[in-house]
Amino acid sequence: MKQFVITMITVIVLISFMFILSGCKLEIEATDNTVSASVDGDTTEKVDNIIDWIKERLSRLFDTDKEEQQNV
């Protein structure tokens, strides 16, 4: 269990640094009872590209393409 927690923390830290180093901008505003967050268009595109990159790597790691071809 300890190894799992360490792995999850490492993944979260690495993903956070990836978003920070890619120049993503997040604006958060808080009022009395609400919190609103927004990102600019460049950030949205960068985040989408990062998520696509992660999905591609995970599909390579777990061979999801081969499983999908077998199901067809």
N, C-alpha and C. Protein backbone atom coordinates (compact mmCIF):
# COMPACT_ATOMS: atom_id res chain seq x y z
N MET A 1 0.83 -1.19 0.00
CA MET A 1 0.00 0.00 0.00
C MET A 1 0.88 1.26 0.00
N LYS A 2 1.99 1.19 0.75
CA LYS A 2 2.88 2.34 0.82
C LYS A 2 3.46 2.65 -0.56
N GLN A 3 3.81 1.62 -1.31
CA GLN A 3 4.36 1.82 -2.65
C GLN A 3 3.34 2.48 -3.58
N PHE A 4 2.08 2.09 -3.46
CA PHE A 4 1.01 2.66 -4.27
C PHE A 4 0.85 4.16 -3.98
N VAL A 5 0.87 4.53 -2.71
CA VAL A 5 0.73 5.93 -2.33
C VAL A 5 1.90 6.74 -2.85
N ILE A 6 3.11 6.22 -2.73
CA ILE A 6 4.28 6.92 -3.23
C ILE A 6 4.20 7.08 -4.75
N THR A 7 3.75 6.05 -5.45
CA THR A 7 3.60 6.12 -6.90
C THR A 7 2.57 7.17 -7.30
N MET A 8 1.44 7.20 -6.61
CA MET A 8 0.39 8.18 -6.92
C MET A 8 0.88 9.61 -6.67
N ILE A 9 1.58 9.82 -5.58
CA ILE A 9 2.11 11.15 -5.28
C ILE A 9 3.12 11.57 -6.35
N THR A 10 3.96 10.66 -6.77
CA THR A 10 4.94 10.94 -7.81
C THR A 10 4.26 11.32 -9.12
N VAL A 11 3.23 10.58 -9.50
CA VAL A 11 2.49 10.88 -10.73
C VAL A 11 1.84 12.25 -10.64
N ILE A 12 1.23 12.56 -9.53
CA ILE A 12 0.57 13.87 -9.36
C ILE A 12 1.60 15.00 -9.45
N VAL A 13 2.74 14.84 -8.81
CA VAL A 13 3.78 15.87 -8.85
C VAL A 13 4.29 16.04 -10.28
N LEU A 14 4.55 14.94 -10.98
CA LEU A 14 5.05 15.03 -12.35
C LEU A 14 4.04 15.69 -13.28
N ILE A 15 2.78 15.35 -13.15
CA ILE A 15 1.75 15.97 -13.99
C ILE A 15 1.65 17.46 -13.67
N SER A 16 1.73 17.82 -12.40
CA SER A 16 1.67 19.23 -12.01
C SER A 16 2.83 20.01 -12.63
N PHE A 17 4.04 19.45 -12.55
CA PHE A 17 5.19 20.13 -13.15
C PHE A 17 5.05 20.23 -14.66
N MET A 18 4.45 19.23 -15.29
CA MET A 18 4.27 19.27 -16.73
C MET A 18 3.35 20.44 -17.11
N PHE A 19 2.27 20.64 -16.35
CA PHE A 19 1.36 21.74 -16.63
C PHE A 19 2.04 23.08 -16.34
N ILE A 20 2.82 23.15 -15.28
CA ILE A 20 3.50 24.40 -14.94
C ILE A 20 4.53 24.76 -16.00
N LEU A 21 5.34 23.79 -16.41
CA LEU A 21 6.39 24.05 -17.37
C LEU A 21 5.87 24.30 -18.78
N SER A 22 4.66 23.85 -19.07
CA SER A 22 4.10 24.09 -20.41
C SER A 22 3.50 25.49 -20.53
N GLY A 23 3.44 26.22 -19.44
CA GLY A 23 2.97 27.60 -19.49
C GLY A 23 1.47 27.74 -19.38
N CYS A 24 0.81 26.79 -18.80
CA CYS A 24 -0.65 26.86 -18.65
C CYS A 24 -1.00 27.93 -17.62
N LYS A 25 -2.05 28.68 -17.93
CA LYS A 25 -2.48 29.75 -17.04
C LYS A 25 -3.90 29.47 -16.56
N LEU A 26 -4.08 29.49 -15.27
CA LEU A 26 -5.38 29.26 -14.65
C LEU A 26 -5.69 30.45 -13.77
N GLU A 27 -6.85 31.06 -14.00
CA GLU A 27 -7.27 32.20 -13.20
C GLU A 27 -8.42 31.76 -12.31
N ILE A 28 -8.25 31.95 -11.02
CA ILE A 28 -9.27 31.56 -10.06
C ILE A 28 -9.69 32.80 -9.28
N GLU A 29 -11.01 33.01 -9.22
CA GLU A 29 -11.55 34.13 -8.46
C GLU A 29 -12.52 33.59 -7.42
N ALA A 30 -12.42 34.12 -6.23
CA ALA A 30 -13.30 33.68 -5.15
C ALA A 30 -14.07 34.87 -4.60
N THR A 31 -15.36 34.68 -4.43
CA THR A 31 -16.19 35.68 -3.76
C THR A 31 -16.71 35.05 -2.47
N ASP A 32 -17.73 35.64 -1.88
CA ASP A 32 -18.23 35.13 -0.60
C ASP A 32 -18.65 33.67 -0.67
N ASN A 33 -19.45 33.31 -1.68
CA ASN A 33 -20.01 31.96 -1.74
C ASN A 33 -19.66 31.20 -3.00
N THR A 34 -18.87 31.78 -3.88
CA THR A 34 -18.59 31.11 -5.15
C THR A 34 -17.10 31.15 -5.48
N VAL A 35 -16.71 30.20 -6.29
CA VAL A 35 -15.35 30.17 -6.82
C VAL A 35 -15.48 29.93 -8.32
N SER A 36 -14.79 30.73 -9.12
CA SER A 36 -14.83 30.54 -10.56
C SER A 36 -13.40 30.41 -11.09
N ALA A 37 -13.24 29.54 -12.06
CA ALA A 37 -11.94 29.32 -12.66
C ALA A 37 -12.07 29.43 -14.17
N SER A 38 -11.03 29.98 -14.80
CA SER A 38 -11.05 30.09 -16.26
C SER A 38 -9.64 29.96 -16.79
N VAL A 39 -9.56 29.53 -18.04
CA VAL A 39 -8.27 29.41 -18.73
C VAL A 39 -8.39 30.08 -20.09
N ASP A 40 -7.26 30.51 -20.63
CA ASP A 40 -7.30 31.12 -21.95
C ASP A 40 -7.25 30.05 -23.04
N GLY A 41 -7.42 30.44 -24.28
CA GLY A 41 -7.49 29.50 -25.40
C GLY A 41 -6.22 28.70 -25.60
N ASP A 42 -5.06 29.35 -25.43
CA ASP A 42 -3.79 28.63 -25.59
C ASP A 42 -3.64 27.54 -24.54
N THR A 43 -4.06 27.84 -23.33
CA THR A 43 -3.96 26.86 -22.25
C THR A 43 -4.87 25.68 -22.53
N THR A 44 -6.07 25.94 -23.02
CA THR A 44 -6.99 24.85 -23.33
C THR A 44 -6.39 23.92 -24.38
N GLU A 45 -5.77 24.50 -25.40
CA GLU A 45 -5.13 23.70 -26.45
C GLU A 45 -3.96 22.90 -25.90
N LYS A 46 -3.15 23.54 -25.05
CA LYS A 46 -2.00 22.85 -24.45
C LYS A 46 -2.45 21.69 -23.57
N VAL A 47 -3.49 21.92 -22.77
CA VAL A 47 -3.98 20.86 -21.90
C VAL A 47 -4.54 19.71 -22.72
N ASP A 48 -5.26 20.02 -23.79
CA ASP A 48 -5.77 18.97 -24.67
C ASP A 48 -4.63 18.16 -25.28
N ASN A 49 -3.58 18.85 -25.71
CA ASN A 49 -2.42 18.16 -26.28
C ASN A 49 -1.73 17.28 -25.24
N ILE A 50 -1.62 17.77 -24.02
CA ILE A 50 -0.99 16.99 -22.95
C ILE A 50 -1.82 15.75 -22.64
N ILE A 51 -3.14 15.92 -22.58
CA ILE A 51 -4.02 14.78 -22.29
C ILE A 51 -3.95 13.75 -23.42
N ASP A 52 -3.92 14.23 -24.66
CA ASP A 52 -3.77 13.30 -25.79
C ASP A 52 -2.45 12.55 -25.72
N TRP A 53 -1.38 13.25 -25.33
CA TRP A 53 -0.06 12.63 -25.21
C TRP A 53 -0.09 11.55 -24.13
N ILE A 54 -0.73 11.86 -23.00
CA ILE A 54 -0.82 10.88 -21.91
C ILE A 54 -1.63 9.67 -22.34
N LYS A 55 -2.74 9.89 -23.04
CA LYS A 55 -3.57 8.78 -23.51
C LYS A 55 -2.79 7.89 -24.47
N GLU A 56 -2.02 8.51 -25.35
CA GLU A 56 -1.22 7.74 -26.31
C GLU A 56 -0.20 6.87 -25.58
N ARG A 57 0.46 7.43 -24.59
CA ARG A 57 1.46 6.65 -23.84
C ARG A 57 0.79 5.53 -23.05
N LEU A 58 -0.36 5.79 -22.46
CA LEU A 58 -1.06 4.74 -21.72
C LEU A 58 -1.54 3.63 -22.64
N SER A 59 -1.99 4.00 -23.84
CA SER A 59 -2.43 2.97 -24.77
C SER A 59 -1.27 2.10 -25.23
N ARG A 60 -0.09 2.70 -25.36
CA ARG A 60 1.10 1.90 -25.69
C ARG A 60 1.48 0.98 -24.53
N LEU A 61 1.36 1.51 -23.32
CA LEU A 61 1.75 0.75 -22.14
C LEU A 61 0.83 -0.45 -21.92
N PHE A 62 -0.47 -0.24 -22.11
CA PHE A 62 -1.43 -1.30 -21.84
C PHE A 62 -1.95 -1.99 -23.10
N ASP A 63 -1.41 -1.66 -24.27
CA ASP A 63 -1.79 -2.27 -25.55
C ASP A 63 -3.30 -2.24 -25.77
N THR A 64 -3.92 -1.09 -25.57
CA THR A 64 -5.36 -0.99 -25.74
C THR A 64 -5.77 -1.12 -27.20
N ASP A 65 -4.89 -0.75 -28.14
CA ASP A 65 -5.22 -0.87 -29.56
C ASP A 65 -5.41 -2.33 -29.96
N LYS A 66 -4.59 -3.22 -29.44
CA LYS A 66 -4.71 -4.64 -29.77
C LYS A 66 -6.01 -5.21 -29.20
N GLU A 67 -6.39 -4.78 -28.01
CA GLU A 67 -7.63 -5.27 -27.41
C GLU A 67 -8.84 -4.80 -28.22
N GLU A 68 -8.80 -3.55 -28.71
CA GLU A 68 -9.89 -3.03 -29.51
C GLU A 68 -10.01 -3.78 -30.82
N GLN A 69 -8.88 -4.15 -31.43
CA GLN A 69 -8.91 -4.88 -32.69
C GLN A 69 -9.47 -6.29 -32.50
N GLN A 70 -9.21 -6.91 -31.38
CA GLN A 70 -9.73 -8.24 -31.11
C GLN A 70 -11.23 -8.23 -30.90
N ASN A 71 -11.76 -7.13 -30.35
CA ASN A 71 -13.19 -7.02 -30.09
C ASN A 71 -13.99 -6.78 -31.35
N VAL A 72 -13.36 -6.33 -32.42
CA VAL A 72 -14.08 -5.99 -33.66
C VAL A 72 -14.35 -7.20 -34.48
